[in-house]
Amino acid sequence: KHEEFSEAFGGTIVYYSNAAGFKQKFKLKDAAKPGEVVAEIMYQTCD
């Protein structure tokens, strides 16, 4: 994780470069049946 002060925003922005990972733990409500994972990510990319 990188932190950088932004003159434009007047605060510190926090970001990842090169690589990042997002993890969410879960369990199956019925452990004997298959599940269907729907993963949604909302993000913004800048240089």
ModelCIF file with pLDDT and N, C-alpha, C, O atoms, coordinates in Angstrom:
data_MODEL
#
_entry.id   MODEL 
#
_entity.id                         1 
_entity.type                       polymer 
_entity.pdbx_number_of_molecules   1 
#
_entity_poly.entity_id                      1 
_entity_poly.type                           'polypeptide(L)' 
_entity_poly.nstd_linkage                   no 
_entity_poly.nstd_monomer                   no 
_entity_poly.pdbx_seq_one_letter_code       KHEEFSEAFGGTIVYYSNAAGFKQKFKLKDAAKPGEVVAEIMYQTCD 
_entity_poly.pdbx_seq_one_letter_code_can   KHEEFSEAFGGTIVYYSNAAGFKQKFKLKDAAKPGEVVAEIMYQTCD 
_entity_poly.pdbx_strand_id                 A 
#
loop_
_entity_poly_seq.entity_id 
_entity_poly_seq.num 
_entity_poly_seq.mon_id 
_entity_poly_seq.hetero 
1 1  LYS n 
1 2  HIS n 
1 3  GLU n 
1 4  GLU n 
1 5  PHE n 
1 6  SER n 
1 7  GLU n 
1 8  ALA n 
1 9  PHE n 
1 10 GLY n 
1 11 GLY n 
1 12 THR n 
1 13 ILE n 
1 14 VAL n 
1 15 TYR n 
1 16 TYR n 
1 17 SER n 
1 18 ASN n 
1 19 ALA n 
1 20 ALA n 
1 21 GLY n 
1 22 PHE n 
1 23 LYS n 
1 24 GLN n 
1 25 LYS n 
1 26 PHE n 
1 27 LYS n 
1 28 LEU n 
1 29 LYS n 
1 30 ASP n 
1 31 ALA n 
1 32 ALA n 
1 33 LYS n 
1 34 PRO n 
1 35 GLY n 
1 36 GLU n 
1 37 VAL n 
1 38 VAL n 
1 39 ALA n 
1 40 GLU n 
1 41 ILE n 
1 42 MET n 
1 43 TYR n 
1 44 GLN n 
1 45 THR n 
1 46 CYS n 
1 47 ASP n 
#
_struct_asym.id          A 
_struct_asym.entity_id   1 
#
loop_
_ma_qa_metric.id 
_ma_qa_metric.mode 
_ma_qa_metric.name 
_ma_qa_metric.software_group_id 
_ma_qa_metric.type 
1 global pLDDT . pLDDT 
2 local  pLDDT . pLDDT 
#
_ma_qa_metric_global.metric_id      1 
_ma_qa_metric_global.metric_value   86.47 
_ma_qa_metric_global.model_id       1 
_ma_qa_metric_global.ordinal_id     1 
#
loop_
_ma_qa_metric_local.label_asym_id 
_ma_qa_metric_local.label_comp_id 
_ma_qa_metric_local.label_seq_id 
_ma_qa_metric_local.metric_id 
_ma_qa_metric_local.metric_value 
_ma_qa_metric_local.model_id 
_ma_qa_metric_local.ordinal_id 
A LYS 1  2 87.00 1 1  
A HIS 2  2 85.00 1 2  
A GLU 3  2 82.00 1 3  
A GLU 4  2 80.00 1 4  
A PHE 5  2 77.00 1 5  
A SER 6  2 77.00 1 6  
A GLU 7  2 69.00 1 7  
A ALA 8  2 68.00 1 8  
A PHE 9  2 73.00 1 9  
A GLY 10 2 70.00 1 10 
A GLY 11 2 74.00 1 11 
A THR 12 2 78.00 1 12 
A ILE 13 2 84.00 1 13 
A VAL 14 2 88.00 1 14 
A TYR 15 2 90.00 1 15 
A TYR 16 2 91.00 1 16 
A SER 17 2 87.00 1 17 
A ASN 18 2 87.00 1 18 
A ALA 19 2 91.00 1 19 
A ALA 20 2 93.00 1 20 
A GLY 21 2 93.00 1 21 
A PHE 22 2 94.00 1 22 
A LYS 23 2 94.00 1 23 
A GLN 24 2 94.00 1 24 
A LYS 25 2 94.00 1 25 
A PHE 26 2 93.00 1 26 
A LYS 27 2 91.00 1 27 
A LEU 28 2 92.00 1 28 
A LYS 29 2 91.00 1 29 
A ASP 30 2 89.00 1 30 
A ALA 31 2 86.00 1 31 
A ALA 32 2 86.00 1 32 
A LYS 33 2 89.00 1 33 
A PRO 34 2 90.00 1 34 
A GLY 35 2 90.00 1 35 
A GLU 36 2 91.00 1 36 
A VAL 37 2 92.00 1 37 
A VAL 38 2 91.00 1 38 
A ALA 39 2 91.00 1 39 
A GLU 40 2 91.00 1 40 
A ILE 41 2 91.00 1 41 
A MET 42 2 88.00 1 42 
A TYR 43 2 90.00 1 43 
A GLN 44 2 87.00 1 44 
A THR 45 2 89.00 1 45 
A CYS 46 2 86.00 1 46 
A ASP 47 2 80.00 1 47 
#
loop_
_atom_site.group_PDB 
_atom_site.id 
_atom_site.type_symbol 
_atom_site.label_atom_id 
_atom_site.label_alt_id 
_atom_site.label_comp_id 
_atom_site.label_asym_id 
_atom_site.label_entity_id 
_atom_site.label_seq_id 
_atom_site.pdbx_PDB_ins_code 
_atom_site.Cartn_x 
_atom_site.Cartn_y 
_atom_site.Cartn_z 
_atom_site.occupancy 
_atom_site.B_iso_or_equiv 
_atom_site.pdbx_formal_charge 
_atom_site.auth_seq_id 
_atom_site.auth_comp_id 
_atom_site.auth_asym_id 
_atom_site.auth_atom_id 
_atom_site.pdbx_PDB_model_num 
ATOM 1   N N  . LYS A 1 1  ? 0.844   -1.197  0.000   1.00 87.00 ? 1  LYS A N  1 
ATOM 2   C CA . LYS A 1 1  ? 0.000   0.000   0.000   1.00 87.00 ? 1  LYS A CA 1 
ATOM 3   C C  . LYS A 1 1  ? 0.882   1.251   0.000   1.00 87.00 ? 1  LYS A C  1 
ATOM 4   O O  . LYS A 1 1  ? 1.833   1.358   0.774   1.00 87.00 ? 1  LYS A O  1 
ATOM 5   N N  . HIS A 1 2  ? 0.548   2.182   -0.876  1.00 85.00 ? 2  HIS A N  1 
ATOM 6   C CA . HIS A 1 2  ? 1.301   3.439   -0.969  1.00 85.00 ? 2  HIS A CA 1 
ATOM 7   C C  . HIS A 1 2  ? 0.426   4.592   -0.479  1.00 85.00 ? 2  HIS A C  1 
ATOM 8   O O  . HIS A 1 2  ? -0.786  4.601   -0.693  1.00 85.00 ? 2  HIS A O  1 
ATOM 9   N N  . GLU A 1 3  ? 1.052   5.550   0.172   1.00 82.00 ? 3  GLU A N  1 
ATOM 10  C CA . GLU A 1 3  ? 0.356   6.760   0.592   1.00 82.00 ? 3  GLU A CA 1 
ATOM 11  C C  . GLU A 1 3  ? 1.073   7.968   0.000   1.00 82.00 ? 3  GLU A C  1 
ATOM 12  O O  . GLU A 1 3  ? 2.301   8.053   0.028   1.00 82.00 ? 3  GLU A O  1 
ATOM 13  N N  . GLU A 1 4  ? 0.289   8.898   -0.535  1.00 80.00 ? 4  GLU A N  1 
ATOM 14  C CA . GLU A 1 4  ? 0.875   10.066  -1.187  1.00 80.00 ? 4  GLU A CA 1 
ATOM 15  C C  . GLU A 1 4  ? -0.013  11.266  -0.952  1.00 80.00 ? 4  GLU A C  1 
ATOM 16  O O  . GLU A 1 4  ? -1.229  11.195  -1.133  1.00 80.00 ? 4  GLU A O  1 
ATOM 17  N N  . PHE A 1 5  ? 0.593   12.370  -0.546  1.00 77.00 ? 5  PHE A N  1 
ATOM 18  C CA . PHE A 1 5  ? -0.192  13.577  -0.337  1.00 77.00 ? 5  PHE A CA 1 
ATOM 19  C C  . PHE A 1 5  ? -0.597  14.173  -1.670  1.00 77.00 ? 5  PHE A C  1 
ATOM 20  O O  . PHE A 1 5  ? 0.220   14.276  -2.585  1.00 77.00 ? 5  PHE A O  1 
ATOM 21  N N  . SER A 1 6  ? -1.853  14.565  -1.781  1.00 77.00 ? 6  SER A N  1 
ATOM 22  C CA . SER A 1 6  ? -2.388  15.160  -3.007  1.00 77.00 ? 6  SER A CA 1 
ATOM 23  C C  . SER A 1 6  ? -2.682  16.633  -2.776  1.00 77.00 ? 6  SER A C  1 
ATOM 24  O O  . SER A 1 6  ? -3.522  16.981  -1.945  1.00 77.00 ? 6  SER A O  1 
ATOM 25  N N  . GLU A 1 7  ? -1.980  17.514  -3.522  1.00 69.00 ? 7  GLU A N  1 
ATOM 26  C CA . GLU A 1 7  ? -2.248  18.940  -3.429  1.00 69.00 ? 7  GLU A CA 1 
ATOM 27  C C  . GLU A 1 7  ? -3.668  19.244  -3.896  1.00 69.00 ? 7  GLU A C  1 
ATOM 28  O O  . GLU A 1 7  ? -4.339  20.118  -3.347  1.00 69.00 ? 7  GLU A O  1 
ATOM 29  N N  . ALA A 1 8  ? -4.121  18.508  -4.926  1.00 68.00 ? 8  ALA A N  1 
ATOM 30  C CA . ALA A 1 8  ? -5.437  18.786  -5.500  1.00 68.00 ? 8  ALA A CA 1 
ATOM 31  C C  . ALA A 1 8  ? -6.557  18.459  -4.520  1.00 68.00 ? 8  ALA A C  1 
ATOM 32  O O  . ALA A 1 8  ? -7.519  19.217  -4.400  1.00 68.00 ? 8  ALA A O  1 
ATOM 33  N N  . PHE A 1 9  ? -6.435  17.314  -3.807  1.00 73.00 ? 9  PHE A N  1 
ATOM 34  C CA . PHE A 1 9  ? -7.472  16.907  -2.875  1.00 73.00 ? 9  PHE A CA 1 
ATOM 35  C C  . PHE A 1 9  ? -7.249  17.480  -1.482  1.00 73.00 ? 9  PHE A C  1 
ATOM 36  O O  . PHE A 1 9  ? -8.165  17.485  -0.660  1.00 73.00 ? 9  PHE A O  1 
ATOM 37  N N  . GLY A 1 10 ? -6.044  17.960  -1.210  1.00 70.00 ? 10 GLY A N  1 
ATOM 38  C CA . GLY A 1 10 ? -5.756  18.477  0.121   1.00 70.00 ? 10 GLY A CA 1 
ATOM 39  C C  . GLY A 1 10 ? -5.719  17.387  1.177   1.00 70.00 ? 10 GLY A C  1 
ATOM 40  O O  . GLY A 1 10 ? -6.066  17.630  2.332   1.00 70.00 ? 10 GLY A O  1 
ATOM 41  N N  . GLY A 1 11 ? -5.303  16.191  0.793   1.00 74.00 ? 11 GLY A N  1 
ATOM 42  C CA . GLY A 1 11 ? -5.242  15.075  1.725   1.00 74.00 ? 11 GLY A CA 1 
ATOM 43  C C  . GLY A 1 11 ? -4.390  13.960  1.170   1.00 74.00 ? 11 GLY A C  1 
ATOM 44  O O  . GLY A 1 11 ? -3.834  14.086  0.079   1.00 74.00 ? 11 GLY A O  1 
ATOM 45  N N  . THR A 1 12 ? -4.279  12.869  1.906   1.00 78.00 ? 12 THR A N  1 
ATOM 46  C CA . THR A 1 12 ? -3.450  11.736  1.516   1.00 78.00 ? 12 THR A CA 1 
ATOM 47  C C  . THR A 1 12 ? -4.286  10.723  0.746   1.00 78.00 ? 12 THR A C  1 
ATOM 48  O O  . THR A 1 12 ? -5.351  10.313  1.207   1.00 78.00 ? 12 THR A O  1 
ATOM 49  N N  . ILE A 1 13 ? -3.808  10.320  -0.422  1.00 84.00 ? 13 ILE A N  1 
ATOM 50  C CA . ILE A 1 13 ? -4.476  9.269   -1.177  1.00 84.00 ? 13 ILE A CA 1 
ATOM 51  C C  . ILE A 1 13 ? -3.729  7.955   -0.931  1.00 84.00 ? 13 ILE A C  1 
ATOM 52  O O  . ILE A 1 13 ? -2.510  7.942   -0.761  1.00 84.00 ? 13 ILE A O  1 
ATOM 53  N N  . VAL A 1 14 ? -4.473  6.868   -0.915  1.00 88.00 ? 14 VAL A N  1 
ATOM 54  C CA . VAL A 1 14 ? -3.933  5.542   -0.616  1.00 88.00 ? 14 VAL A CA 1 
ATOM 55  C C  . VAL A 1 14 ? -4.212  4.654   -1.820  1.00 88.00 ? 14 VAL A C  1 
ATOM 56  O O  . VAL A 1 14 ? -5.351  4.563   -2.278  1.00 88.00 ? 14 VAL A O  1 
ATOM 57  N N  . TYR A 1 15 ? -3.166  3.994   -2.337  1.00 90.00 ? 15 TYR A N  1 
ATOM 58  C CA . TYR A 1 15 ? -3.359  3.251   -3.579  1.00 90.00 ? 15 TYR A CA 1 
ATOM 59  C C  . TYR A 1 15 ? -2.384  2.074   -3.671  1.00 90.00 ? 15 TYR A C  1 
ATOM 60  O O  . TYR A 1 15 ? -1.456  1.940   -2.874  1.00 90.00 ? 15 TYR A O  1 
ATOM 61  N N  . TYR A 1 16 ? -2.634  1.223   -4.680  1.00 91.00 ? 16 TYR A N  1 
ATOM 62  C CA . TYR A 1 16 ? -1.759  0.096   -5.001  1.00 91.00 ? 16 TYR A CA 1 
ATOM 63  C C  . TYR A 1 16 ? -1.255  0.256   -6.428  1.00 91.00 ? 16 TYR A C  1 
ATOM 64  O O  . TYR A 1 16 ? -1.996  0.689   -7.310  1.00 91.00 ? 16 TYR A O  1 
ATOM 65  N N  . SER A 1 17 ? -0.008  -0.092  -6.647  1.00 87.00 ? 17 SER A N  1 
ATOM 66  C CA . SER A 1 17 ? 0.550   -0.134  -7.994  1.00 87.00 ? 17 SER A CA 1 
ATOM 67  C C  . SER A 1 17 ? 1.124   -1.527  -8.238  1.00 87.00 ? 17 SER A C  1 
ATOM 68  O O  . SER A 1 17 ? 1.455   -2.249  -7.298  1.00 87.00 ? 17 SER A O  1 
ATOM 69  N N  . ASN A 1 18 ? 1.234   -1.886  -9.495  1.00 87.00 ? 18 ASN A N  1 
ATOM 70  C CA . ASN A 1 18 ? 1.773   -3.185  -9.941  1.00 87.00 ? 18 ASN A CA 1 
ATOM 71  C C  . ASN A 1 18 ? 0.834   -4.354  -9.634  1.00 87.00 ? 18 ASN A C  1 
ATOM 72  O O  . ASN A 1 18 ? 0.476   -5.106  -10.541 1.00 87.00 ? 18 ASN A O  1 
ATOM 73  N N  . ALA A 1 19 ? 0.435   -4.519  -8.383  1.00 91.00 ? 19 ALA A N  1 
ATOM 74  C CA . ALA A 1 19 ? -0.422  -5.663  -8.044  1.00 91.00 ? 19 ALA A CA 1 
ATOM 75  C C  . ALA A 1 19 ? -1.213  -5.359  -6.779  1.00 91.00 ? 19 ALA A C  1 
ATOM 76  O O  . ALA A 1 19 ? -0.781  -4.589  -5.921  1.00 91.00 ? 19 ALA A O  1 
ATOM 77  N N  . ALA A 1 20 ? -2.374  -5.982  -6.688  1.00 93.00 ? 20 ALA A N  1 
ATOM 78  C CA . ALA A 1 20 ? -3.208  -5.864  -5.494  1.00 93.00 ? 20 ALA A CA 1 
ATOM 79  C C  . ALA A 1 20 ? -4.112  -7.080  -5.424  1.00 93.00 ? 20 ALA A C  1 
ATOM 80  O O  . ALA A 1 20 ? -4.389  -7.715  -6.442  1.00 93.00 ? 20 ALA A O  1 
ATOM 81  N N  . GLY A 1 21 ? -4.569  -7.402  -4.239  1.00 93.00 ? 21 GLY A N  1 
ATOM 82  C CA . GLY A 1 21 ? -5.476  -8.527  -4.057  1.00 93.00 ? 21 GLY A CA 1 
ATOM 83  C C  . GLY A 1 21 ? -6.637  -8.151  -3.154  1.00 93.00 ? 21 GLY A C  1 
ATOM 84  O O  . GLY A 1 21 ? -6.493  -7.341  -2.239  1.00 93.00 ? 21 GLY A O  1 
ATOM 85  N N  . PHE A 1 22 ? -7.791  -8.748  -3.423  1.00 94.00 ? 22 PHE A N  1 
ATOM 86  C CA . PHE A 1 22 ? -8.988  -8.474  -2.629  1.00 94.00 ? 22 PHE A CA 1 
ATOM 87  C C  . PHE A 1 22 ? -9.599  -9.817  -2.222  1.00 94.00 ? 22 PHE A C  1 
ATOM 88  O O  . PHE A 1 22 ? -9.898  -10.653 -3.075  1.00 94.00 ? 22 PHE A O  1 
ATOM 89  N N  . LYS A 1 23 ? -9.783  -10.018 -0.913  1.00 94.00 ? 23 LYS A N  1 
ATOM 90  C CA . LYS A 1 23 ? -10.202 -11.317 -0.405  1.00 94.00 ? 23 LYS A CA 1 
ATOM 91  C C  . LYS A 1 23 ? -11.492 -11.188 0.410   1.00 94.00 ? 23 LYS A C  1 
ATOM 92  O O  . LYS A 1 23 ? -11.660 -10.249 1.188   1.00 94.00 ? 23 LYS A O  1 
ATOM 93  N N  . GLN A 1 24 ? -12.384 -12.134 0.220   1.00 94.00 ? 24 GLN A N  1 
ATOM 94  C CA . GLN A 1 24 ? -13.609 -12.199 1.003   1.00 94.00 ? 24 GLN A CA 1 
ATOM 95  C C  . GLN A 1 24 ? -13.868 -13.645 1.408   1.00 94.00 ? 24 GLN A C  1 
ATOM 96  O O  . GLN A 1 24 ? -14.014 -14.522 0.557   1.00 94.00 ? 24 GLN A O  1 
ATOM 97  N N  . LYS A 1 25 ? -13.924 -13.885 2.711   1.00 94.00 ? 25 LYS A N  1 
ATOM 98  C CA . LYS A 1 25 ? -14.216 -15.233 3.203   1.00 94.00 ? 25 LYS A CA 1 
ATOM 99  C C  . LYS A 1 25 ? -15.727 -15.467 3.196   1.00 94.00 ? 25 LYS A C  1 
ATOM 100 O O  . LYS A 1 25 ? -16.517 -14.544 3.394   1.00 94.00 ? 25 LYS A O  1 
ATOM 101 N N  . PHE A 1 26 ? -16.105 -16.725 2.961   1.00 93.00 ? 26 PHE A N  1 
ATOM 102 C CA . PHE A 1 26 ? -17.521 -17.079 2.988   1.00 93.00 ? 26 PHE A CA 1 
ATOM 103 C C  . PHE A 1 26 ? -17.648 -18.563 3.298   1.00 93.00 ? 26 PHE A C  1 
ATOM 104 O O  . PHE A 1 26 ? -16.659 -19.297 3.294   1.00 93.00 ? 26 PHE A O  1 
ATOM 105 N N  . LYS A 1 27 ? -18.865 -18.991 3.565   1.00 91.00 ? 27 LYS A N  1 
ATOM 106 C CA . LYS A 1 27 ? -19.152 -20.412 3.749   1.00 91.00 ? 27 LYS A CA 1 
ATOM 107 C C  . LYS A 1 27 ? -20.438 -20.744 3.004   1.00 91.00 ? 27 LYS A C  1 
ATOM 108 O O  . LYS A 1 27 ? -21.215 -19.858 2.647   1.00 91.00 ? 27 LYS A O  1 
ATOM 109 N N  . LEU A 1 28 ? -20.645 -22.020 2.780   1.00 92.00 ? 28 LEU A N  1 
ATOM 110 C CA . LEU A 1 28 ? -21.867 -22.470 2.121   1.00 92.00 ? 28 LEU A CA 1 
ATOM 111 C C  . LEU A 1 28 ? -22.960 -22.647 3.169   1.00 92.00 ? 28 LEU A C  1 
ATOM 112 O O  . LEU A 1 28 ? -22.750 -23.281 4.202   1.00 92.00 ? 28 LEU A O  1 
ATOM 113 N N  . LYS A 1 29 ? -24.123 -22.080 2.890   1.00 91.00 ? 29 LYS A N  1 
ATOM 114 C CA . LYS A 1 29 ? -25.238 -22.229 3.829   1.00 91.00 ? 29 LYS A CA 1 
ATOM 115 C C  . LYS A 1 29 ? -25.579 -23.706 4.028   1.00 91.00 ? 29 LYS A C  1 
ATOM 116 O O  . LYS A 1 29 ? -25.830 -24.157 5.146   1.00 91.00 ? 29 LYS A O  1 
ATOM 117 N N  . ASP A 1 30 ? -25.583 -24.449 2.914   1.00 89.00 ? 30 ASP A N  1 
ATOM 118 C CA . ASP A 1 30 ? -25.780 -25.897 2.960   1.00 89.00 ? 30 ASP A CA 1 
ATOM 119 C C  . ASP A 1 30 ? -24.503 -26.534 2.446   1.00 89.00 ? 30 ASP A C  1 
ATOM 120 O O  . ASP A 1 30 ? -24.249 -26.543 1.242   1.00 89.00 ? 30 ASP A O  1 
ATOM 121 N N  . ALA A 1 31 ? -23.693 -27.070 3.361   1.00 86.00 ? 31 ALA A N  1 
ATOM 122 C CA . ALA A 1 31 ? -22.368 -27.574 3.001   1.00 86.00 ? 31 ALA A CA 1 
ATOM 123 C C  . ALA A 1 31 ? -22.418 -28.764 2.059   1.00 86.00 ? 31 ALA A C  1 
ATOM 124 O O  . ALA A 1 31 ? -21.386 -29.157 1.516   1.00 86.00 ? 31 ALA A O  1 
ATOM 125 N N  . ALA A 1 32 ? -23.592 -29.347 1.852   1.00 86.00 ? 32 ALA A N  1 
ATOM 126 C CA . ALA A 1 32 ? -23.684 -30.521 0.979   1.00 86.00 ? 32 ALA A CA 1 
ATOM 127 C C  . ALA A 1 32 ? -24.059 -30.150 -0.450  1.00 86.00 ? 32 ALA A C  1 
ATOM 128 O O  . ALA A 1 32 ? -24.056 -30.997 -1.342  1.00 86.00 ? 32 ALA A O  1 
ATOM 129 N N  . LYS A 1 33 ? -24.384 -28.859 -0.661  1.00 89.00 ? 33 LYS A N  1 
ATOM 130 C CA . LYS A 1 33 ? -24.810 -28.435 -1.997  1.00 89.00 ? 33 LYS A CA 1 
ATOM 131 C C  . LYS A 1 33 ? -23.817 -27.449 -2.600  1.00 89.00 ? 33 LYS A C  1 
ATOM 132 O O  . LYS A 1 33 ? -23.130 -26.734 -1.870  1.00 89.00 ? 33 LYS A O  1 
ATOM 133 N N  . PRO A 1 34 ? -23.739 -27.406 -3.945  1.00 90.00 ? 34 PRO A N  1 
ATOM 134 C CA . PRO A 1 34 ? -22.851 -26.440 -4.603  1.00 90.00 ? 34 PRO A CA 1 
ATOM 135 C C  . PRO A 1 34 ? -23.315 -25.008 -4.343  1.00 90.00 ? 34 PRO A C  1 
ATOM 136 O O  . PRO A 1 34 ? -24.477 -24.762 -4.020  1.00 90.00 ? 34 PRO A O  1 
ATOM 137 N N  . GLY A 1 35 ? -22.396 -24.089 -4.489  1.00 90.00 ? 35 GLY A N  1 
ATOM 138 C CA . GLY A 1 35 ? -22.717 -22.663 -4.381  1.00 90.00 ? 35 GLY A CA 1 
ATOM 139 C C  . GLY A 1 35 ? -22.329 -21.940 -5.658  1.00 90.00 ? 35 GLY A C  1 
ATOM 140 O O  . GLY A 1 35 ? -21.642 -22.489 -6.519  1.00 90.00 ? 35 GLY A O  1 
ATOM 141 N N  . GLU A 1 36 ? -22.773 -20.725 -5.761  1.00 91.00 ? 36 GLU A N  1 
ATOM 142 C CA . GLU A 1 36 ? -22.456 -19.920 -6.946  1.00 91.00 ? 36 GLU A CA 1 
ATOM 143 C C  . GLU A 1 36 ? -21.956 -18.560 -6.473  1.00 91.00 ? 36 GLU A C  1 
ATOM 144 O O  . GLU A 1 36 ? -22.704 -17.792 -5.869  1.00 91.00 ? 36 GLU A O  1 
ATOM 145 N N  . VAL A 1 37 ? -20.691 -18.267 -6.751  1.00 92.00 ? 37 VAL A N  1 
ATOM 146 C CA . VAL A 1 37 ? -20.062 -17.030 -6.291  1.00 92.00 ? 37 VAL A CA 1 
ATOM 147 C C  . VAL A 1 37 ? -20.254 -15.938 -7.337  1.00 92.00 ? 37 VAL A C  1 
ATOM 148 O O  . VAL A 1 37 ? -19.941 -16.123 -8.513  1.00 92.00 ? 37 VAL A O  1 
ATOM 149 N N  . VAL A 1 38 ? -20.765 -14.816 -6.896  1.00 91.00 ? 38 VAL A N  1 
ATOM 150 C CA . VAL A 1 38 ? -20.841 -13.618 -7.732  1.00 91.00 ? 38 VAL A CA 1 
ATOM 151 C C  . VAL A 1 38 ? -19.947 -12.569 -7.083  1.00 91.00 ? 38 VAL A C  1 
ATOM 152 O O  . VAL A 1 38 ? -20.289 -12.018 -6.037  1.00 91.00 ? 38 VAL A O  1 
ATOM 153 N N  . ALA A 1 39 ? -18.792 -12.293 -7.707  1.00 91.00 ? 39 ALA A N  1 
ATOM 154 C CA . ALA A 1 39 ? -17.827 -11.329 -7.169  1.00 91.00 ? 39 ALA A CA 1 
ATOM 155 C C  . ALA A 1 39 ? -17.913 -10.041 -7.985  1.00 91.00 ? 39 ALA A C  1 
ATOM 156 O O  . ALA A 1 39 ? -17.793 -10.068 -9.210  1.00 91.00 ? 39 ALA A O  1 
ATOM 157 N N  . GLU A 1 40 ? -18.117 -8.932  -7.313  1.00 91.00 ? 40 GLU A N  1 
ATOM 158 C CA . GLU A 1 40 ? -18.256 -7.636  -7.981  1.00 91.00 ? 40 GLU A CA 1 
ATOM 159 C C  . GLU A 1 40 ? -17.222 -6.676  -7.421  1.00 91.00 ? 40 GLU A C  1 
ATOM 160 O O  . GLU A 1 40 ? -17.066 -6.557  -6.206  1.00 91.00 ? 40 GLU A O  1 
ATOM 161 N N  . ILE A 1 41 ? -16.520 -5.994  -8.310  1.00 91.00 ? 41 ILE A N  1 
ATOM 162 C CA . ILE A 1 41 ? -15.532 -5.003  -7.867  1.00 91.00 ? 41 ILE A CA 1 
ATOM 163 C C  . ILE A 1 41 ? -15.790 -3.686  -8.576  1.00 91.00 ? 41 ILE A C  1 
ATOM 164 O O  . ILE A 1 41 ? -16.003 -3.643  -9.788  1.00 91.00 ? 41 ILE A O  1 
ATOM 165 N N  . MET A 1 42 ? -15.766 -2.612  -7.796  1.00 88.00 ? 42 MET A N  1 
ATOM 166 C CA . MET A 1 42 ? -15.890 -1.265  -8.332  1.00 88.00 ? 42 MET A CA 1 
ATOM 167 C C  . MET A 1 42 ? -14.592 -0.530  -7.999  1.00 88.00 ? 42 MET A C  1 
ATOM 168 O O  . MET A 1 42 ? -14.225 -0.423  -6.829  1.00 88.00 ? 42 MET A O  1 
ATOM 169 N N  . TYR A 1 43 ? -13.901 -0.027  -9.011  1.00 90.00 ? 43 TYR A N  1 
ATOM 170 C CA . TYR A 1 43 ? -12.572 0.543   -8.807  1.00 90.00 ? 43 TYR A CA 1 
ATOM 171 C C  . TYR A 1 43 ? -12.328 1.673   -9.798  1.00 90.00 ? 43 TYR A C  1 
ATOM 172 O O  . TYR A 1 43 ? -13.053 1.829   -10.781 1.00 90.00 ? 43 TYR A O  1 
ATOM 173 N N  . GLN A 1 44 ? -11.283 2.464   -9.516  1.00 87.00 ? 44 GLN A N  1 
ATOM 174 C CA . GLN A 1 44 ? -10.845 3.508   -10.440 1.00 87.00 ? 44 GLN A CA 1 
ATOM 175 C C  . GLN A 1 44 ? -9.344  3.378   -10.648 1.00 87.00 ? 44 GLN A C  1 
ATOM 176 O O  . GLN A 1 44 ? -8.597  3.078   -9.717  1.00 87.00 ? 44 GLN A O  1 
ATOM 177 N N  . THR A 1 45 ? -8.917  3.608   -11.882 1.00 89.00 ? 45 THR A N  1 
ATOM 178 C CA . THR A 1 45 ? -7.512  3.498   -12.259 1.00 89.00 ? 45 THR A CA 1 
ATOM 179 C C  . THR A 1 45 ? -6.987  4.867   -12.672 1.00 89.00 ? 45 THR A C  1 
ATOM 180 O O  . THR A 1 45 ? -7.650  5.583   -13.423 1.00 89.00 ? 45 THR A O  1 
ATOM 181 N N  . CYS A 1 46 ? -5.796  5.238   -12.187 1.00 86.00 ? 46 CYS A N  1 
ATOM 182 C CA . CYS A 1 46 ? -5.203  6.539   -12.528 1.00 86.00 ? 46 CYS A CA 1 
ATOM 183 C C  . CYS A 1 46 ? -3.706  6.375   -12.779 1.00 86.00 ? 46 CYS A C  1 
ATOM 184 O O  . CYS A 1 46 ? -3.078  5.423   -12.315 1.00 86.00 ? 46 CYS A O  1 
ATOM 185 N N  . ASP A 1 47 ? -3.156  7.331   -13.526 1.00 80.00 ? 47 ASP A N  1 
ATOM 186 C CA . ASP A 1 47 ? -1.705  7.496   -13.564 1.00 80.00 ? 47 ASP A CA 1 
ATOM 187 C C  . ASP A 1 47 ? -1.426  8.952   -13.212 1.00 80.00 ? 47 ASP A C  1 
ATOM 188 O O  . ASP A 1 47 ? -0.268  9.366   -13.171 1.00 80.00 ? 47 ASP A O  1 
#
